[in-house]
PDB file of N, CA and C in Angstrom:
ATOM      1  N   UNK A   1     152.172  18.699-209.728  1.00  0.00           N
ATOM      2  CA  UNK A   1     152.482  17.819-211.263  1.00  0.00           C
ATOM      3  C   UNK A   1     152.029  16.525-211.765  1.00  0.00           C
ATOM      4  N   UNK A   2     151.138  16.170-212.624  1.00  0.00           N
ATOM      5  CA  UNK A   2     150.834  15.011-213.193  1.00  0.00           C
ATOM      6  C   UNK A   2     151.929  13.827-213.969  1.00  0.00           C
ATOM      7  N   UNK A   3     151.915  13.035-213.817  1.00  0.00           N
ATOM      8  CA  UNK A   3     152.659  12.254-215.127  1.00  0.00           C
ATOM      9  C   UNK A   3     152.037  10.616-215.066  1.00  0.00           C
ATOM     10  N   UNK A   4     151.953  10.257-216.469  1.00  0.00           N
ATOM     11  CA  UNK A   4     150.963   9.522-216.903  1.00  0.00           C
ATOM     12  C   UNK A   4     151.687   7.495-216.251  1.00  0.00           C
ATOM     13  N   UNK A   5     151.554   6.894-215.968  1.00  0.00           N
ATOM     14  CA  UNK A   5     151.936   5.817-215.680  1.00  0.00           C
ATOM     15  C   UNK A   5     151.169   4.619-215.974  1.00  0.00           C
ATOM     16  N   UNK A   6     151.493   3.482-216.826  1.00  0.00           N
ATOM     17  CA  UNK A   6     150.611   2.190-217.003  1.00  0.00           C
ATOM     18  C   UNK A   6     150.620   1.203-215.873  1.00  0.00           C
ATOM     19  N   UNK A   7     149.130   1.168-215.322  1.00  0.00           N
ATOM     20  CA  UNK A   7     148.903   0.030-214.249  1.00  0.00           C
ATOM     21  C   UNK A   7     148.533  -1.262-214.772  1.00  0.00           C
ATOM     22  N   UNK A   8     148.858  -2.210-214.357  1.00  0.00           N
ATOM     23  CA  UNK A   8     148.135  -3.307-214.252  1.00  0.00           C
ATOM     24  C   UNK A   8     147.355  -3.882-213.586  1.00  0.00           C
ATOM     25  N   UNK A   9     145.783  -3.902-212.861  1.00  0.00           N
ATOM     26  CA  UNK A   9     144.858  -4.301-211.969  1.00  0.00           C
ATOM     27  C   UNK A   9     144.434  -5.443-212.112  1.00  0.00           C
ATOM     28  N   UNK A  10     144.082  -5.937-211.469  1.00  0.00           N
ATOM     29  CA  UNK A  10     143.320  -7.084-211.295  1.00  0.00           C
ATOM     30  C   UNK A  10     142.194  -6.966-211.921  1.00  0.00           C
ATOM     31  N   UNK A  11     140.971  -7.040-212.945  1.00  0.00           N
ATOM     32  CA  UNK A  11     139.813  -6.440-213.715  1.00  0.00           C
ATOM     33  C   UNK A  11     138.629  -6.737-212.103  1.00  0.00           C
ATOM     34  N   UNK A  12     138.629  -7.414-210.999  1.00  0.00           N
ATOM     35  CA  UNK A  12     138.090  -7.428-210.164  1.00  0.00           C
ATOM     36  C   UNK A  12     138.244  -5.946-209.136  1.00  0.00           C
ATOM     37  N   UNK A  13     139.174  -5.273-209.101  1.00  0.00           N
ATOM     38  CA  UNK A  13     139.604  -4.018-208.282  1.00  0.00           C
ATOM     39  C   UNK A  13     139.241  -2.942-209.040  1.00  0.00           C
ATOM     40  N   UNK A  14     139.845  -3.295-210.506  1.00  0.00           N
ATOM     41  CA  UNK A  14     139.479  -2.222-211.176  1.00  0.00           C
ATOM     42  C   UNK A  14     137.135  -2.153-211.529  1.00  0.00           C
ATOM     43  N   UNK A  15     137.283  -3.411-211.785  1.00  0.00           N
ATOM     44  CA  UNK A  15     135.393  -2.712-211.653  1.00  0.00           C
ATOM     45  C   UNK A  15     134.753  -2.596-210.246  1.00  0.00           C
ATOM     46  N   UNK A  16     135.309  -2.869-209.486  1.00  0.00           N
ATOM     47  CA  UNK A  16     134.689  -1.983-207.841  1.00  0.00           C
ATOM     48  C   UNK A  16     135.137  -0.597-207.704  1.00  0.00           C
ATOM     49  N   UNK A  17     136.725  -0.133-208.281  1.00  0.00           N
ATOM     50  CA  UNK A  17     136.999   1.356-208.119  1.00  0.00           C
ATOM     51  C   UNK A  17     136.398   2.214-209.165  1.00  0.00           C
ATOM     52  N   UNK A  18     135.533   1.269-210.111  1.00  0.00           N
ATOM     53  CA  UNK A  18     134.727   1.832-211.237  1.00  0.00           C
ATOM     54  C   UNK A  18     133.606   2.718-210.768  1.00  0.00           C
ATOM     55  N   UNK A  19     133.240   1.197-209.740  1.00  0.00           N
ATOM     56  CA  UNK A  19     131.614   1.354-209.199  1.00  0.00           C
ATOM     57  C   UNK A  19     131.637   2.088-207.867  1.00  0.00           C
ATOM     58  N   UNK A  20     132.419   2.649-207.399  1.00  0.00           N
ATOM     59  CA  UNK A  20     132.649   3.817-206.355  1.00  0.00           C
ATOM     60  C   UNK A  20     132.789   4.590-207.108  1.00  0.00           C
ATOM     61  N   UNK A  21     133.912   4.635-208.115  1.00  0.00           N
ATOM     62  CA  UNK A  21     134.432   6.141-207.832  1.00  0.00           C
ATOM     63  C   UNK A  21     134.169   6.725-209.367  1.00  0.00           C
ATOM     64  N   UNK A  22     133.637   5.803-210.163  1.00  0.00           N
ATOM     65  CA  UNK A  22     133.187   5.820-211.315  1.00  0.00           C
ATOM     66  C   UNK A  22     134.851   5.304-212.681  1.00  0.00           C
ATOM     67  N   UNK A  23     134.471   5.693-214.028  1.00  0.00           N
ATOM     68  CA  UNK A  23     135.515   5.646-214.870  1.00  0.00           C
ATOM     69  C   UNK A  23     136.331   6.693-214.701  1.00  0.00           C
ATOM     70  N   UNK A  24     135.519   8.103-215.072  1.00  0.00           N
ATOM     71  CA  UNK A  24     136.048   9.463-215.012  1.00  0.00           C
ATOM     72  C   UNK A  24     136.958  10.239-213.715  1.00  0.00           C
ATOM     73  N   UNK A  25     136.610   9.003-212.950  1.00  0.00           N
ATOM     74  CA  UNK A  25     137.384   9.673-211.722  1.00  0.00           C
ATOM     75  C   UNK A  25     138.307   8.178-211.055  1.00  0.00           C
ATOM     76  N   UNK A  26     138.739   7.483-212.127  1.00  0.00           N
ATOM     77  CA  UNK A  26     139.189   6.232-211.876  1.00  0.00           C
ATOM     78  C   UNK A  26     140.668   6.866-211.469  1.00  0.00           C
ATOM     79  N   UNK A  27     141.821   7.742-211.581  1.00  0.00           N
ATOM     80  CA  UNK A  27     142.784   8.666-211.241  1.00  0.00           C
ATOM     81  C   UNK A  27     143.405   8.623-209.737  1.00  0.00           C
ATOM     82  N   UNK A  28     141.933   9.813-209.460  1.00  0.00           N
ATOM     83  CA  UNK A  28     141.624  10.351-208.578  1.00  0.00           C
ATOM     84  C   UNK A  28     141.661   9.856-207.184  1.00  0.00           C
ATOM     85  N   UNK A  29     140.866   8.339-207.696  1.00  0.00           N
ATOM     86  CA  UNK A  29     140.421   7.219-206.382  1.00  0.00           C
ATOM     87  C   UNK A  29     141.715   6.837-206.156  1.00  0.00           C
ATOM     88  N   UNK A  30     142.320   6.302-207.600  1.00  0.00           N
ATOM     89  CA  UNK A  30     143.498   5.484-207.156  1.00  0.00           C
ATOM     90  C   UNK A  30     144.654   6.300-206.473  1.00  0.00           C
ATOM     91  N   UNK A  31     145.143   7.399-206.918  1.00  0.00           N
ATOM     92  CA  UNK A  31     145.904   8.421-206.169  1.00  0.00           C
ATOM     93  C   UNK A  31     145.575   8.365-204.822  1.00  0.00           C
ATOM     94  N   UNK A  32     144.158   8.734-203.988  1.00  0.00           N
ATOM     95  CA  UNK A  32     143.845   8.724-203.469  1.00  0.00           C
ATOM     96  C   UNK A  32     144.501   7.669-202.392  1.00  0.00           C
ATOM     97  N   UNK A  33     144.156   6.584-202.691  1.00  0.00           N
ATOM     98  CA  UNK A  33     144.177   5.007-202.079  1.00  0.00           C
ATOM     99  C   UNK A  33     145.414   4.722-201.537  1.00  0.00           C
ATOM    100  N   UNK A  34     146.317   5.233-202.901  1.00  0.00           N
ATOM    101  CA  UNK A  34     148.402   4.925-202.645  1.00  0.00           C
ATOM    102  C   UNK A  34     148.574   6.013-202.000  1.00  0.00           C
ATOM    103  N   UNK A  35     148.016   7.145-202.046  1.00  0.00           N
ATOM    104  CA  UNK A  35     148.557   8.518-201.170  1.00  0.00           C
ATOM    105  C   UNK A  35     148.493   7.630-199.259  1.00  0.00           C
ATOM    106  N   UNK A  36     147.090   6.882-199.172  1.00  0.00           N
ATOM    107  CA  UNK A  36     146.546   6.851-197.984  1.00  0.00           C
ATOM    108  C   UNK A  36     147.197   5.767-197.639  1.00  0.00           C
ATOM    109  N   UNK A  37     147.659   4.683-198.228  1.00  0.00           N
ATOM    110  CA  UNK A  37     148.518   3.572-198.763  1.00  0.00           C
ATOM    111  C   UNK A  37     149.854   3.661-197.563  1.00  0.00           C
ATOM    112  N   UNK A  38     150.629   4.832-198.627  1.00  0.00           N
ATOM    113  CA  UNK A  38     152.150   5.700-198.128  1.00  0.00           C
ATOM    114  C   UNK A  38     152.259   6.159-196.989  1.00  0.00           C
ATOM    115  N   UNK A  39     150.889   6.927-196.530  1.00  0.00           N
ATOM    116  CA  UNK A  39     150.813   7.207-194.528  1.00  0.00           C
ATOM    117  C   UNK A  39     150.593   6.483-194.063  1.00  0.00           C
ATOM    118  N   UNK A  40     150.422   5.061-193.946  1.00  0.00           N
ATOM    119  CA  UNK A  40     150.083   4.581-193.569  1.00  0.00           C
ATOM    120  C   UNK A  40     151.485   3.403-193.376  1.00  0.00           C
ATOM    121  N   UNK A  41     152.066   3.547-194.265  1.00  0.00           N
ATOM    122  CA  UNK A  41     153.770   2.498-194.418  1.00  0.00           C
ATOM    123  C   UNK A  41     154.566   3.844-193.593  1.00  0.00           C
ATOM    124  N   UNK A  42     154.254   4.531-193.916  1.00  0.00           N
ATOM    125  CA  UNK A  42     155.581   5.413-193.426  1.00  0.00           C
ATOM    126  C   UNK A  42     154.950   5.450-191.276  1.00  0.00           C
ATOM    127  N   UNK A  43     153.857   5.602-191.759  1.00  0.00           N
ATOM    128  CA  UNK A  43     153.540   5.418-189.888  1.00  0.00           C
ATOM    129  C   UNK A  43     154.120   4.094-189.939  1.00  0.00           C
ATOM    130  N   UNK A  44     153.469   3.103-189.880  1.00  0.00           N
ATOM    131  CA  UNK A  44     154.415   1.969-189.501  1.00  0.00           C
ATOM    132  C   UNK A  44     155.815   1.693-189.417  1.00  0.00           C
ATOM    133  N   UNK A  45     156.061   2.367-190.503  1.00  0.00           N
ATOM    134  CA  UNK A  45     158.127   2.806-190.507  1.00  0.00           C
ATOM    135  C   UNK A  45     157.926   3.008-188.953  1.00  0.00           C
ATOM    136  N   UNK A  46     158.238   4.356-188.801  1.00  0.00           N
ATOM    137  CA  UNK A  46     158.372   4.929-187.844  1.00  0.00           C
ATOM    138  C   UNK A  46     157.783   4.161-185.904  1.00  0.00           C
ATOM    139  N   UNK A  47     156.699   3.753-186.331  1.00  0.00           N
ATOM    140  CA  UNK A  47     156.556   3.040-184.887  1.00  0.00           C
ATOM    141  C   UNK A  47     157.816   2.279-184.824  1.00  0.00           C
ATOM    142  N   UNK A  48     158.140   0.697-185.999  1.00  0.00           N
ATOM    143  CA  UNK A  48     159.011   0.101-185.803  1.00  0.00           C
ATOM    144  C   UNK A  48     160.524   0.913-185.538  1.00  0.00           C
ATOM    145  N   UNK A  49     160.734   1.566-185.975  1.00  0.00           N
ATOM    146  CA  UNK A  49     162.428   2.372-185.461  1.00  0.00           C
ATOM    147  C   UNK A  49     162.054   3.486-184.557  1.00  0.00           C
ATOM    148  N   UNK A  50     160.977   3.620-183.771  1.00  0.00           N
ATOM    149  CA  UNK A  50     161.096   4.390-182.385  1.00  0.00           C
ATOM    150  C   UNK A  50     160.392   2.968-181.217  1.00  0.00           C
ATOM    151  N   UNK A  51     160.158   1.982-181.603  1.00  0.00           N
ATOM    152  CA  UNK A  51     159.659   0.779-181.001  1.00  0.00           C
ATOM    153  C   UNK A  51     161.200   0.856-179.500  1.00  0.00           C
ATOM    154  N   UNK A  52     160.516   0.869-178.518  1.00  0.00           N
ATOM    155  CA  UNK A  52     161.777   0.724-177.540  1.00  0.00           C
ATOM    156  C   UNK A  52     161.863   2.319-176.794  1.00  0.00           C
ATOM    157  N   UNK A  53     161.576   3.341-177.391  1.00  0.00           N
ATOM    158  CA  UNK A  53     162.123   4.862-176.718  1.00  0.00           C
ATOM    159  C   UNK A  53     161.734   5.024-175.916  1.00  0.00           C
ATOM    160  N   UNK A  54     160.549   4.475-175.478  1.00  0.00           N
ATOM    161  CA  UNK A  54     159.735   4.335-174.136  1.00  0.00           C
ATOM    162  C   UNK A  54     159.970   3.791-172.821  1.00  0.00           C
ATOM    163  N   UNK A  55     160.666   3.981-172.008  1.00  0.00           N
ATOM    164  CA  UNK A  55     159.984   2.829-170.960  1.00  0.00           C
ATOM    165  C   UNK A  55     160.312   2.959-169.647  1.00  0.00           C
ATOM    166  N   UNK A  56     159.689   2.057-168.974  1.00  0.00           N
ATOM    167  CA  UNK A  56     159.271   2.728-167.538  1.00  0.00           C
ATOM    168  C   UNK A  56     160.664   2.847-166.854  1.00  0.00           C
ATOM    169  N   UNK A  57     161.561   2.205-167.342  1.00  0.00           N
ATOM    170  CA  UNK A  57     162.756   2.431-166.610  1.00  0.00           C
ATOM    171  C   UNK A  57     163.265   4.401-166.549  1.00  0.00           C
ATOM    172  N   UNK A  58     162.969   5.418-167.998  1.00  0.00           N
ATOM    173  CA  UNK A  58     163.072   6.352-167.913  1.00  0.00           C
ATOM    174  C   UNK A  58     161.660   7.394-167.632  1.00  0.00           C
ATOM    175  N   UNK A  59     160.626   6.450-167.378  1.00  0.00           N
ATOM    176  CA  UNK A  59     159.798   7.043-166.806  1.00  0.00           C
ATOM    177  C   UNK A  59     158.869   6.417-165.813  1.00  0.00           C
ATOM    178  N   UNK A  60     159.189   6.589-164.571  1.00  0.00           N
ATOM    179  CA  UNK A  60     158.529   5.827-163.829  1.00  0.00           C
ATOM    180  C   UNK A  60     157.522   6.369-163.227  1.00  0.00           C
ATOM    181  N   UNK A  61     156.965   7.535-163.293  1.00  0.00           N
ATOM    182  CA  UNK A  61     155.931   8.040-162.799  1.00  0.00           C
ATOM    183  C   UNK A  61     154.596   7.489-163.704  1.00  0.00           C
ATOM    184  N   UNK A  62     155.282   7.042-164.827  1.00  0.00           N
ATOM    185  CA  UNK A  62     154.210   6.566-165.420  1.00  0.00           C
ATOM    186  C   UNK A  62     154.089   5.282-165.941  1.00  0.00           C
ATOM    187  N   UNK A  63     154.274   4.216-165.180  1.00  0.00           N
ATOM    188  CA  UNK A  63     153.854   3.088-165.304  1.00  0.00           C
ATOM    189  C   UNK A  63     152.552   2.205-165.602  1.00  0.00           C
ATOM    190  N   UNK A  64     151.559   2.919-165.366  1.00  0.00           N
ATOM    191  CA  UNK A  64     150.144   2.238-165.376  1.00  0.00           C
ATOM    192  C   UNK A  64     149.371   3.602-166.128  1.00  0.00           C
ATOM    193  N   UNK A  65     148.296   2.782-166.489  1.00  0.00           N
ATOM    194  CA  UNK A  65     147.469   3.246-167.198  1.00  0.00           C
ATOM    195  C   UNK A  65     146.998   4.774-166.200  1.00  0.00           C
ATOM    196  N   UNK A  66     146.705   4.769-164.843  1.00  0.00           N
ATOM    197  CA  UNK A  66     146.044   5.453-163.757  1.00  0.00           C
ATOM    198  C   UNK A  66     147.429   6.463-163.634  1.00  0.00           C
ATOM    199  N   UNK A  67     148.432   6.323-164.135  1.00  0.00           N
ATOM    200  CA  UNK A  67     149.306   7.395-164.020  1.00  0.00           C
ATOM    201  C   UNK A  67     149.227   8.539-165.087  1.00  0.00           C
ATOM    202  N   UNK A  68     149.053   7.438-166.049  1.00  0.00           N
ATOM    203  CA  UNK A  68     148.914   8.741-167.245  1.00  0.00           C
ATOM    204  C   UNK A  68     147.561   9.635-167.323  1.00  0.00           C
ATOM    205  N   UNK A  69     147.109   8.824-166.928  1.00  0.00           N
ATOM    206  CA  UNK A  69     145.539   9.365-166.868  1.00  0.00           C
ATOM    207  C   UNK A  69     145.284  10.853-166.198  1.00  0.00           C
ATOM    208  N   UNK A  70     146.602  10.308-164.559  1.00  0.00           N
ATOM    209  CA  UNK A  70     146.890  11.650-163.848  1.00  0.00           C
ATOM    210  C   UNK A  70     147.765  12.590-164.999  1.00  0.00           C
ATOM    211  N   UNK A  71     148.208  12.028-165.939  1.00  0.00           N
ATOM    212  CA  UNK A  71     149.804  13.280-166.443  1.00  0.00           C
ATOM    213  C   UNK A  71     148.776  13.760-166.789  1.00  0.00           C
ATOM    214  N   UNK A  72     148.078  13.410-167.903  1.00  0.00           N
ATOM    215  CA  UNK A  72     147.123  13.860-169.044  1.00  0.00           C
ATOM    216  C   UNK A  72     146.057  15.201-168.445  1.00  0.00           C
ATOM    217  N   UNK A  73     145.420  14.687-166.919  1.00  0.00           N
ATOM    218  CA  UNK A  73     144.274  15.498-166.149  1.00  0.00           C
ATOM    219  C   UNK A  73     145.238  16.705-166.528  1.00  0.00           C
ATOM    220  N   UNK A  74     146.251  16.678-165.498  1.00  0.00           N
ATOM    221  CA  UNK A  74     147.495  17.603-164.832  1.00  0.00           C
ATOM    222  C   UNK A  74     147.731  18.162-165.698  1.00  0.00           C
ATOM    223  N   UNK A  75     148.216  17.946-167.364  1.00  0.00           N
ATOM    224  CA  UNK A  75     148.444  19.337-168.226  1.00  0.00           C
ATOM    225  C   UNK A  75     147.504  19.681-168.962  1.00  0.00           C
ATOM    226  N   UNK A  76     145.859  19.347-168.764  1.00  0.00           N
ATOM    227  CA  UNK A  76     145.161  20.030-169.446  1.00  0.00           C
ATOM    228  C   UNK A  76     144.576  20.864-168.531  1.00  0.00           C
ATOM    229  N   UNK A  77     144.759  20.304-167.251  1.00  0.00           N
ATOM    230  CA  UNK A  77     144.344  21.480-166.038  1.00  0.00           C
ATOM    231  C   UNK A  77     145.340  22.910-165.757  1.00  0.00           C
ATOM    232  N   UNK A  78     146.808  22.120-166.414  1.00  0.00           N
ATOM    233  CA  UNK A  78     147.468  23.931-166.329  1.00  0.00           C
ATOM    234  C   UNK A  78     147.208  24.319-167.818  1.00  0.00           C
ATOM    235  N   UNK A  79     146.700  24.185-168.720  1.00  0.00           N
ATOM    236  CA  UNK A  79     146.850  24.265-170.189  1.00  0.00           C
ATOM    237  C   UNK A  79     145.591  25.069-170.027  1.00  0.00           C
ATOM    238  N   UNK A  80     144.567  24.974-168.990  1.00  0.00           N
ATOM    239  CA  UNK A  80     142.839  25.031-168.954  1.00  0.00           C
ATOM    240  C   UNK A  80     143.749  26.759-167.841  1.00  0.00           C
ATOM    241  N   UNK A  81     144.462  26.978-167.102  1.00  0.00           N
ATOM    242  CA  UNK A  81     144.856  27.913-166.162  1.00  0.00           C
ATOM    243  C   UNK A  81     145.563  28.832-166.971  1.00  0.00           C
ATOM    244  N   UNK A  82     146.292  28.550-167.745  1.00  0.00           N
ATOM    245  CA  UNK A  82     147.413  29.172-168.595  1.00  0.00           C
ATOM    246  C   UNK A  82     146.671  30.149-169.412  1.00  0.00           C
ATOM    247  N   UNK A  83     145.242  29.389-170.050  1.00  0.00           N
ATOM    248  CA  UNK A  83     144.735  30.377-171.148  1.00  0.00           C
ATOM    249  C   UNK A  83     143.300  31.207-170.475  1.00  0.00           C
ATOM    250  N   UNK A  84     143.271  30.950-168.738  1.00  0.00           N
ATOM    251  CA  UNK A  84     142.196  32.097-168.264  1.00  0.00           C
ATOM    252  C   UNK A  84     142.979  33.090-167.694  1.00  0.00           C
ATOM    253  N   UNK A  85     144.103  32.678-167.628  1.00  0.00           N
ATOM    254  CA  UNK A  85     145.317  33.845-167.025  1.00  0.00           C
ATOM    255  C   UNK A  85     144.969  34.725-168.442  1.00  0.00           C
ATOM    256  N   UNK A  86     146.015  33.802-169.925  1.00  0.00           N
ATOM    257  CA  UNK A  86     145.645  34.673-170.560  1.00  0.00           C
ATOM    258  C   UNK A  86     145.073  35.660-171.130  1.00  0.00           C
ATOM    259  N   UNK A  87     144.027  34.942-171.518  1.00  0.00           N
ATOM    260  CA  UNK A  87     142.449  35.746-171.918  1.00  0.00           C
ATOM    261  C   UNK A  87     141.718  36.927-170.877  1.00  0.00           C
ATOM    262  N   UNK A  88     142.275  36.398-169.570  1.00  0.00           N
ATOM    263  CA  UNK A  88     141.522  37.261-168.515  1.00  0.00           C
ATOM    264  C   UNK A  88     142.247  38.897-168.028  1.00  0.00           C
ATOM    265  N   UNK A  89     143.797  38.462-168.684  1.00  0.00           N
ATOM    266  CA  UNK A  89     144.632  39.711-168.546  1.00  0.00           C
ATOM    267  C   UNK A  89     144.080  41.006-169.252  1.00  0.00           C
TER     268      UNK A  89
END
């Protein structure tokens, strides 16, 4: 559902939007830009709220970058084996 809103923007921003999107697509451009900004803000909020959820104490086998690379490699390999088993059966 669309709703009209009166927005006040600095002239230089509006002119640049018009150059990129065109006057007839102004609303769409601003809506998409706002949606992207909201998504970024939600992501940052989630990062902030979950800060410290992962610790070396809780995951001693994944302390180093090499440990994590090995973990991911093992997971991928087990996935490939499972996929091969499923598709060959």
